[in-house]
């Protein structure tokens, strides 16, 4: 939900993206969650592609 909010809902509500794609969150995440990988998975799912 948080990923979808950052890439879809936030833009729909405010007219601009919350995430600029810099990747800094990947570097500092204490759980080693790659936000960019989450974005790629959501993008593939929306296009109808396979996800892991």
PDB file of N, CA and C in Angstrom:
ATOM      1  N   UNK A   1       0.815  -1.199   0.000  1.00  0.00           N
ATOM      2  CA  UNK A   1       0.000   0.000   0.000  1.00  0.00           C
ATOM      3  C   UNK A   1       0.858   1.263   0.000  1.00  0.00           C
ATOM      4  N   UNK A   2       1.908   1.269   0.823  1.00  0.00           N
ATOM      5  CA  UNK A   2       2.754   2.465   0.892  1.00  0.00           C
ATOM      6  C   UNK A   2       3.423   2.754  -0.442  1.00  0.00           C
ATOM      7  N   UNK A   3       3.871   1.711  -1.114  1.00  0.00           N
ATOM      8  CA  UNK A   3       4.498   1.897  -2.420  1.00  0.00           C
ATOM      9  C   UNK A   3       3.494   2.442  -3.417  1.00  0.00           C
ATOM     10  N   UNK A   4       2.321   1.825  -3.459  1.00  0.00           N
ATOM     11  CA  UNK A   4       1.293   2.278  -4.394  1.00  0.00           C
ATOM     12  C   UNK A   4       0.898   3.718  -4.102  1.00  0.00           C
ATOM     13  N   UNK A   5       0.808   4.077  -2.822  1.00  0.00           N
ATOM     14  CA  UNK A   5       0.485   5.453  -2.446  1.00  0.00           C
ATOM     15  C   UNK A   5       1.525   6.426  -2.994  1.00  0.00           C
ATOM     16  N   UNK A   6       2.789   6.082  -2.855  1.00  0.00           N
ATOM     17  CA  UNK A   6       3.842   6.998  -3.291  1.00  0.00           C
ATOM     18  C   UNK A   6       3.882   7.187  -4.795  1.00  0.00           C
ATOM     19  N   UNK A   7       3.517   6.157  -5.544  1.00  0.00           N
ATOM     20  CA  UNK A   7       3.634   6.297  -6.997  1.00  0.00           C
ATOM     21  C   UNK A   7       2.317   6.607  -7.702  1.00  0.00           C
ATOM     22  N   UNK A   8       1.204   6.442  -7.036  1.00  0.00           N
ATOM     23  CA  UNK A   8      -0.065   6.686  -7.718  1.00  0.00           C
ATOM     24  C   UNK A   8      -0.954   7.674  -6.968  1.00  0.00           C
ATOM     25  N   UNK A   9      -1.323   7.306  -5.769  1.00  0.00           N
ATOM     26  CA  UNK A   9      -2.299   8.099  -5.028  1.00  0.00           C
ATOM     27  C   UNK A   9      -1.813   9.512  -4.736  1.00  0.00           C
ATOM     28  N   UNK A  10      -0.571   9.644  -4.349  1.00  0.00           N
ATOM     29  CA  UNK A  10      -0.045  10.962  -4.015  1.00  0.00           C
ATOM     30  C   UNK A  10      -0.101  11.883  -5.230  1.00  0.00           C
ATOM     31  N   UNK A  11       0.307  11.379  -6.390  1.00  0.00           N
ATOM     32  CA  UNK A  11       0.268  12.191  -7.617  1.00  0.00           C
ATOM     33  C   UNK A  11      -1.165  12.554  -7.982  1.00  0.00           C
ATOM     34  N   UNK A  12      -2.069  11.593  -7.829  1.00  0.00           N
ATOM     35  CA  UNK A  12      -3.472  11.838  -8.141  1.00  0.00           C
ATOM     36  C   UNK A  12      -4.049  12.932  -7.243  1.00  0.00           C
ATOM     37  N   UNK A  13      -3.656  12.908  -5.975  1.00  0.00           N
ATOM     38  CA  UNK A  13      -4.199  13.870  -5.023  1.00  0.00           C
ATOM     39  C   UNK A  13      -3.555  15.245  -5.116  1.00  0.00           C
ATOM     40  N   UNK A  14      -2.226  15.296  -5.351  1.00  0.00           N
ATOM     41  CA  UNK A  14      -1.523  16.575  -5.274  1.00  0.00           C
ATOM     42  C   UNK A  14      -0.928  17.060  -6.595  1.00  0.00           C
ATOM     43  N   UNK A  15      -0.922  16.217  -7.631  1.00  0.00           N
ATOM     44  CA  UNK A  15      -0.446  16.639  -8.942  1.00  0.00           C
ATOM     45  C   UNK A  15       1.050  16.522  -9.161  1.00  0.00           C
ATOM     46  N   UNK A  16       1.780  15.966  -8.204  1.00  0.00           N
ATOM     47  CA  UNK A  16       3.222  15.742  -8.397  1.00  0.00           C
ATOM     48  C   UNK A  16       3.631  14.489  -7.640  1.00  0.00           C
ATOM     49  N   UNK A  17       4.789  13.944  -8.009  1.00  0.00           N
ATOM     50  CA  UNK A  17       5.257  12.709  -7.405  1.00  0.00           C
ATOM     51  C   UNK A  17       5.920  12.959  -6.061  1.00  0.00           C
ATOM     52  N   UNK A  18       5.631  12.077  -5.109  1.00  0.00           N
ATOM     53  CA  UNK A  18       6.268  12.134  -3.798  1.00  0.00           C
ATOM     54  C   UNK A  18       7.706  11.610  -3.894  1.00  0.00           C
ATOM     55  N   UNK A  19       7.900  10.576  -4.680  1.00  0.00           N
ATOM     56  CA  UNK A  19       9.221   9.962  -4.861  1.00  0.00           C
ATOM     57  C   UNK A  19       9.853  10.530  -6.121  1.00  0.00           C
ATOM     58  N   UNK A  20      11.107  10.959  -6.007  1.00  0.00           N
ATOM     59  CA  UNK A  20      11.810  11.489  -7.172  1.00  0.00           C
ATOM     60  C   UNK A  20      12.751  10.461  -7.784  1.00  0.00           C
ATOM     61  N   UNK A  21      12.828   9.273  -7.166  1.00  0.00           N
ATOM     62  CA  UNK A  21      13.640   8.198  -7.729  1.00  0.00           C
ATOM     63  C   UNK A  21      15.121   8.301  -7.451  1.00  0.00           C
ATOM     64  N   UNK A  22      15.498   9.003  -6.407  1.00  0.00           N
ATOM     65  CA  UNK A  22      16.932   9.199  -6.123  1.00  0.00           C
ATOM     66  C   UNK A  22      17.599   7.947  -5.551  1.00  0.00           C
ATOM     67  N   UNK A  23      16.819   7.065  -4.896  1.00  0.00           N
ATOM     68  CA  UNK A  23      17.367   5.834  -4.345  1.00  0.00           C
ATOM     69  C   UNK A  23      17.973   5.958  -2.960  1.00  0.00           C
ATOM     70  N   UNK A  24      17.931   7.129  -2.361  1.00  0.00           N
ATOM     71  CA  UNK A  24      18.516   7.289  -1.024  1.00  0.00           C
ATOM     72  C   UNK A  24      17.823   6.417   0.010  1.00  0.00           C
ATOM     73  N   UNK A  25      16.532   6.192  -0.154  1.00  0.00           N
ATOM     74  CA  UNK A  25      15.815   5.351   0.814  1.00  0.00           C
ATOM     75  C   UNK A  25      16.327   3.914   0.764  1.00  0.00           C
ATOM     76  N   UNK A  26      16.759   3.440  -0.417  1.00  0.00           N
ATOM     77  CA  UNK A  26      17.347   2.100  -0.530  1.00  0.00           C
ATOM     78  C   UNK A  26      18.611   1.995   0.315  1.00  0.00           C
ATOM     79  N   UNK A  27      19.397   3.059   0.331  1.00  0.00           N
ATOM     80  CA  UNK A  27      20.679   3.062   1.037  1.00  0.00           C
ATOM     81  C   UNK A  27      20.524   3.090   2.550  1.00  0.00           C
ATOM     82  N   UNK A  28      19.467   3.696   3.058  1.00  0.00           N
ATOM     83  CA  UNK A  28      19.342   3.883   4.502  1.00  0.00           C
ATOM     84  C   UNK A  28      18.291   2.993   5.164  1.00  0.00           C
ATOM     85  N   UNK A  29      17.589   2.182   4.400  1.00  0.00           N
ATOM     86  CA  UNK A  29      16.539   1.345   4.969  1.00  0.00           C
ATOM     87  C   UNK A  29      17.138   0.316   5.930  1.00  0.00           C
ATOM     88  N   UNK A  30      16.703   0.321   7.195  1.00  0.00           N
ATOM     89  CA  UNK A  30      17.260  -0.626   8.168  1.00  0.00           C
ATOM     90  C   UNK A  30      16.835  -2.075   7.894  1.00  0.00           C
ATOM     91  N   UNK A  31      15.823  -2.285   7.074  1.00  0.00           N
ATOM     92  CA  UNK A  31      15.360  -3.637   6.739  1.00  0.00           C
ATOM     93  C   UNK A  31      15.828  -4.069   5.352  1.00  0.00           C
ATOM     94  N   UNK A  32      16.659  -3.246   4.703  1.00  0.00           N
ATOM     95  CA  UNK A  32      17.219  -3.540   3.376  1.00  0.00           C
ATOM     96  C   UNK A  32      16.141  -3.766   2.324  1.00  0.00           C
ATOM     97  N   UNK A  33      15.075  -2.986   2.424  1.00  0.00           N
ATOM     98  CA  UNK A  33      14.004  -3.044   1.429  1.00  0.00           C
ATOM     99  C   UNK A  33      14.337  -2.062   0.313  1.00  0.00           C
ATOM    100  N   UNK A  34      14.368  -2.555  -0.887  1.00  0.00           N
ATOM    101  CA  UNK A  34      14.675  -1.705  -2.034  1.00  0.00           C
ATOM    102  C   UNK A  34      13.386  -1.089  -2.569  1.00  0.00           C
ATOM    103  N   UNK A  35      13.220   0.193  -2.353  1.00  0.00           N
ATOM    104  CA  UNK A  35      12.024   0.869  -2.839  1.00  0.00           C
ATOM    105  C   UNK A  35      11.970   0.831  -4.360  1.00  0.00           C
ATOM    106  N   UNK A  36      13.121   0.959  -5.010  1.00  0.00           N
ATOM    107  CA  UNK A  36      13.141   0.922  -6.471  1.00  0.00           C
ATOM    108  C   UNK A  36      12.689  -0.443  -6.988  1.00  0.00           C
ATOM    109  N   UNK A  37      13.036  -1.520  -6.291  1.00  0.00           N
ATOM    110  CA  UNK A  37      12.573  -2.847  -6.678  1.00  0.00           C
ATOM    111  C   UNK A  37      11.055  -2.958  -6.487  1.00  0.00           C
ATOM    112  N   UNK A  38      10.548  -2.379  -5.422  1.00  0.00           N
ATOM    113  CA  UNK A  38       9.092  -2.366  -5.203  1.00  0.00           C
ATOM    114  C   UNK A  38       8.390  -1.630  -6.334  1.00  0.00           C
ATOM    115  N   UNK A  39       8.942  -0.504  -6.746  1.00  0.00           N
ATOM    116  CA  UNK A  39       8.363   0.265  -7.851  1.00  0.00           C
ATOM    117  C   UNK A  39       8.353  -0.566  -9.129  1.00  0.00           C
ATOM    118  N   UNK A  40       9.449  -1.255  -9.403  1.00  0.00           N
ATOM    119  CA  UNK A  40       9.532  -2.079 -10.606  1.00  0.00           C
ATOM    120  C   UNK A  40       8.508  -3.209 -10.571  1.00  0.00           C
ATOM    121  N   UNK A  41       8.315  -3.826  -9.414  1.00  0.00           N
ATOM    122  CA  UNK A  41       7.334  -4.903  -9.291  1.00  0.00           C
ATOM    123  C   UNK A  41       5.911  -4.392  -9.503  1.00  0.00           C
ATOM    124  N   UNK A  42       5.592  -3.267  -8.919  1.00  0.00           N
ATOM    125  CA  UNK A  42       4.257  -2.695  -9.098  1.00  0.00           C
ATOM    126  C   UNK A  42       4.044  -2.315 -10.553  1.00  0.00           C
ATOM    127  N   UNK A  43       5.050  -1.747 -11.166  1.00  0.00           N
ATOM    128  CA  UNK A  43       4.954  -1.361 -12.575  1.00  0.00           C
ATOM    129  C   UNK A  43       4.692  -2.568 -13.457  1.00  0.00           C
ATOM    130  N   UNK A  44       5.422  -3.667 -13.232  1.00  0.00           N
ATOM    131  CA  UNK A  44       5.211  -4.873 -14.003  1.00  0.00           C
ATOM    132  C   UNK A  44       3.823  -5.449 -13.765  1.00  0.00           C
ATOM    133  N   UNK A  45       3.364  -5.430 -12.524  1.00  0.00           N
ATOM    134  CA  UNK A  45       2.040  -5.958 -12.214  1.00  0.00           C
ATOM    135  C   UNK A  45       0.948  -5.153 -12.910  1.00  0.00           C
ATOM    136  N   UNK A  46       1.129  -3.846 -12.965  1.00  0.00           N
ATOM    137  CA  UNK A  46       0.133  -3.002 -13.627  1.00  0.00           C
ATOM    138  C   UNK A  46       0.129  -3.204 -15.132  1.00  0.00           C
ATOM    139  N   UNK A  47       1.283  -3.574 -15.683  1.00  0.00           N
ATOM    140  CA  UNK A  47       1.380  -3.825 -17.122  1.00  0.00           C
ATOM    141  C   UNK A  47       0.913  -5.232 -17.462  1.00  0.00           C
ATOM    142  N   UNK A  48       0.677  -6.057 -16.448  1.00  0.00           N
ATOM    143  CA  UNK A  48       0.235  -7.424 -16.694  1.00  0.00           C
ATOM    144  C   UNK A  48       1.366  -8.417 -16.775  1.00  0.00           C
ATOM    145  N   UNK A  49       2.577  -7.993 -16.393  1.00  0.00           N
ATOM    146  CA  UNK A  49       3.732  -8.881 -16.425  1.00  0.00           C
ATOM    147  C   UNK A  49       3.820  -9.761 -15.203  1.00  0.00           C
ATOM    148  N   UNK A  50       4.792 -10.636 -15.217  1.00  0.00           N
ATOM    149  CA  UNK A  50       5.023 -11.547 -14.097  1.00  0.00           C
ATOM    150  C   UNK A  50       5.731 -10.841 -12.977  1.00  0.00           C
ATOM    151  N   UNK A  51       5.405 -11.230 -11.733  1.00  0.00           N
ATOM    152  CA  UNK A  51       6.133 -10.757 -10.564  1.00  0.00           C
ATOM    153  C   UNK A  51       6.654 -11.960  -9.818  1.00  0.00           C
ATOM    154  N   UNK A  52       7.590 -11.735  -8.934  1.00  0.00           N
ATOM    155  CA  UNK A  52       8.153 -12.832  -8.158  1.00  0.00           C
ATOM    156  C   UNK A  52       7.209 -13.317  -7.126  1.00  0.00           C
TER     157      UNK A  52
END
